[in-house]
Amino acid sequence: MDSRSPRLRRKLARIPCTPERSHSFGEERHEFRLGPCLPEARADAFEAEHDLELPPLTETSSCSVVPYSAEAMTALSSFTFVRHIDGLRHHFERDGERNGRPAFRRTDGRVWCFWSPSDGWHCEIDDGLVTAHPLDGRADEHEPPATVWRSFKNDRSYLYDLRTLDPEA
């Protein structure tokens, strides 16, 4: 693996959380499109050339294999919600999958963050009560979006930033 890859991944993951960053026109709706499926022989050659192992290939009806994506290679393992009003932090760690996407459990074990077809990305407590959503409606990404989230429970509501790196910063 190229020794620069981890550093580049960290820098790219920080961009959405950078205050006063510049935005590219339409970046929130760019809808990246995947190219043609990657033949298995080409994936094998790529692995050998870069001394790495790609995730297993998956059979589909539309082509012989699913193309690799950045999502599969840079899977989010944890994140932190930071409350705007006072900086309170809630750390979440990956804990399996739900509905074919990663699921995350708050480290105190009382809250889950996961994707569902009906609610998109959201947080809920163990009894199934939904307690938070991304504020801007971006709830259909592969992983929970690093954006502002709104929590609500009983008569309280707070805004949180979802931060994927440097949870103590």
Protein backbone atom coordinates (compact mmCIF):
# COMPACT_ATOMS: atom_id res chain seq x y z
CA MET A 1 0.00 0.00 0.00
CA ASP A 2 1.21 3.51 -0.77
CA SER A 3 2.45 5.03 2.51
CA ARG A 4 0.63 8.30 1.69
CA SER A 5 -2.85 6.68 1.58
CA PRO A 6 -3.72 6.87 5.30
CA ARG A 7 -2.64 10.53 5.46
CA LEU A 8 -4.70 11.40 2.37
CA ARG A 9 -7.75 9.58 3.76
CA ARG A 10 -7.48 11.55 7.01
CA LYS A 11 -7.18 14.85 5.15
CA LEU A 12 -10.16 14.09 2.91
CA ALA A 13 -12.31 13.04 5.87
CA ARG A 14 -11.55 16.35 7.65
CA ILE A 15 -12.81 18.53 4.80
CA PRO A 16 -16.55 18.43 5.63
CA CYS A 17 -15.79 19.45 9.24
CA THR A 18 -13.52 22.37 8.37
CA PRO A 19 -15.09 25.70 9.42
CA GLU A 20 -15.33 28.37 6.72
CA ARG A 21 -14.14 26.00 4.00
CA SER A 22 -14.91 26.80 0.40
CA HIS A 23 -17.64 24.76 -1.27
CA SER A 24 -17.68 23.53 -4.85
CA PHE A 25 -20.78 24.42 -6.81
CA GLY A 26 -23.33 21.62 -6.41
CA GLU A 27 -21.11 19.39 -4.26
CA GLU A 28 -24.06 18.34 -2.08
CA ARG A 29 -25.89 16.96 -5.14
CA HIS A 30 -23.06 15.79 -7.42
CA GLU A 31 -24.34 12.18 -7.64
CA PHE A 32 -21.08 10.43 -8.48
CA ARG A 33 -21.64 7.68 -11.01
CA LEU A 34 -19.73 4.42 -10.99
CA GLY A 35 -18.00 3.29 -14.15
CA PRO A 36 -18.16 -0.15 -15.74
CA CYS A 37 -17.60 -3.19 -13.56
CA LEU A 38 -14.01 -4.11 -12.86
CA PRO A 39 -12.97 -7.51 -14.25
CA GLU A 40 -11.62 -9.85 -11.58
CA ALA A 41 -8.27 -10.23 -13.38
CA ARG A 42 -7.79 -6.44 -13.28
CA ALA A 43 -8.64 -6.35 -9.56
CA ASP A 44 -6.07 -9.11 -8.94
CA ALA A 45 -3.43 -7.14 -10.87
CA PHE A 46 -4.25 -3.99 -8.87
CA GLU A 47 -3.87 -5.91 -5.58
CA ALA A 48 -0.50 -7.30 -6.66
CA GLU A 49 0.79 -3.95 -7.93
CA HIS A 50 -0.19 -2.06 -4.74
CA ASP A 51 0.47 -4.88 -2.25
CA LEU A 52 -3.03 -4.80 -0.74
CA GLU A 53 -6.15 -6.92 -0.50
CA LEU A 54 -9.47 -5.52 -1.75
CA PRO A 55 -12.77 -6.55 -0.14
CA PRO A 56 -14.33 -9.69 -1.66
CA LEU A 57 -16.19 -9.29 -4.94
CA THR A 58 -19.97 -9.65 -4.98
CA GLU A 59 -21.99 -11.25 -7.75
CA THR A 60 -24.84 -9.17 -9.21
CA SER A 61 -27.41 -9.64 -11.94
CA SER A 62 -26.30 -6.58 -13.93
CA CYS A 63 -22.61 -7.48 -14.24
CA SER A 64 -20.14 -10.06 -13.08
CA VAL A 65 -18.79 -8.06 -10.12
CA VAL A 66 -19.59 -4.90 -8.20
CA PRO A 67 -16.99 -2.17 -8.81
CA TYR A 68 -14.90 -1.18 -5.83
CA SER A 69 -15.67 2.12 -4.17
CA ALA A 70 -13.96 4.44 -1.73
CA GLU A 71 -16.71 3.55 0.76
CA ALA A 72 -15.58 -0.06 1.00
CA MET A 73 -11.93 0.90 1.41
CA THR A 74 -12.33 3.71 3.95
CA ALA A 75 -15.09 2.31 6.16
CA LEU A 76 -15.93 4.54 9.08
CA SER A 77 -15.20 2.82 12.39
CA SER A 78 -16.23 5.55 14.83
CA PHE A 79 -17.41 9.13 15.11
CA THR A 80 -18.33 11.69 17.74
CA PHE A 81 -21.36 13.94 18.05
CA VAL A 82 -20.34 17.33 19.53
CA ARG A 83 -23.17 19.45 20.93
CA HIS A 84 -23.12 23.07 19.75
CA ILE A 85 -24.29 24.72 22.95
CA ASP A 86 -21.70 23.31 25.37
CA GLY A 87 -19.33 20.93 23.52
CA LEU A 88 -20.75 17.77 25.16
CA ARG A 89 -19.45 14.73 23.26
CA HIS A 90 -21.08 11.38 22.53
CA HIS A 91 -18.75 8.81 20.96
CA PHE A 92 -20.13 6.07 18.67
CA GLU A 93 -18.32 2.95 17.47
CA ARG A 94 -19.20 0.61 14.65
CA ASP A 95 -21.21 -2.39 15.84
CA GLY A 96 -22.22 -4.60 12.92
CA GLU A 97 -24.71 -3.75 10.19
CA ARG A 98 -28.40 -3.05 9.80
CA ASN A 99 -30.23 -2.94 6.50
CA GLY A 100 -26.99 -3.56 4.58
CA ARG A 101 -25.16 -0.52 6.01
CA PRO A 102 -22.89 -0.02 9.00
CA ALA A 103 -24.53 0.42 12.41
CA PHE A 104 -22.99 2.40 15.28
CA ARG A 105 -23.63 2.17 19.02
CA ARG A 106 -22.93 4.98 21.47
CA THR A 107 -20.14 3.86 23.80
CA ASP A 108 -22.44 4.04 26.82
CA GLY A 109 -24.65 1.50 25.00
CA ARG A 110 -27.94 3.43 25.13
CA VAL A 111 -28.23 4.90 21.62
CA TRP A 112 -27.85 3.46 18.10
CA CYS A 113 -27.12 5.32 14.85
CA PHE A 114 -28.06 3.43 11.69
CA TRP A 115 -29.81 3.67 8.32
CA SER A 116 -33.28 2.37 7.59
CA PRO A 117 -35.41 2.58 4.43
CA SER A 118 -38.12 4.53 6.25
CA ASP A 119 -35.99 7.01 8.25
CA GLY A 120 -32.64 7.13 6.43
CA TRP A 121 -29.73 7.83 8.81
CA HIS A 122 -30.98 8.47 12.31
CA CYS A 123 -30.33 7.77 15.98
CA GLU A 124 -32.70 5.85 18.17
CA ILE A 125 -32.79 4.55 21.71
CA ASP A 126 -33.29 0.88 22.54
CA ASP A 127 -37.09 1.12 22.68
CA GLY A 128 -37.15 2.26 19.02
CA LEU A 129 -37.76 5.98 19.65
CA VAL A 130 -36.03 8.04 16.93
CA THR A 131 -34.04 10.80 18.64
CA ALA A 132 -31.94 12.47 15.89
CA HIS A 133 -31.64 13.09 12.14
CA PRO A 134 -29.21 15.00 9.91
CA LEU A 135 -30.50 18.58 9.83
CA ASP A 136 -30.01 19.10 6.09
CA GLY A 137 -31.86 15.95 5.08
CA ARG A 138 -28.81 14.08 3.70
CA ALA A 139 -29.88 10.77 5.12
CA ASP A 140 -29.27 8.30 2.29
CA GLU A 141 -25.46 8.12 2.12
CA HIS A 142 -23.48 4.92 2.70
CA GLU A 143 -22.36 6.17 6.12
CA PRO A 144 -23.84 8.73 8.51
CA PRO A 145 -23.16 12.18 7.03
CA ALA A 146 -20.58 14.43 8.69
CA THR A 147 -22.96 17.36 9.01
CA VAL A 148 -25.17 19.05 11.60
CA TRP A 149 -27.69 16.74 13.29
CA ARG A 150 -30.75 17.71 15.35
CA SER A 151 -31.61 15.66 18.41
CA PHE A 152 -35.03 15.67 20.00
CA LYS A 153 -36.40 13.85 23.00
CA ASN A 154 -39.32 14.90 25.17
CA ASP A 155 -39.24 18.72 25.33
CA ARG A 156 -35.52 19.11 24.51
CA SER A 157 -33.76 19.64 21.18
CA TYR A 158 -30.06 20.23 20.46
CA LEU A 159 -27.78 20.64 17.44
CA TYR A 160 -24.70 18.42 17.11
CA ASP A 161 -21.82 18.19 14.64
CA LEU A 162 -20.99 14.66 13.55
CA ARG A 163 -17.17 14.53 13.50
CA THR A 164 -15.39 11.57 12.01
CA LEU A 165 -11.83 12.39 13.11
CA ASP A 166 -10.01 13.92 16.06
CA PRO A 167 -12.88 13.39 18.56
CA GLU A 168 -11.02 15.38 21.25
CA ALA A 169 -10.27 18.37 19.00
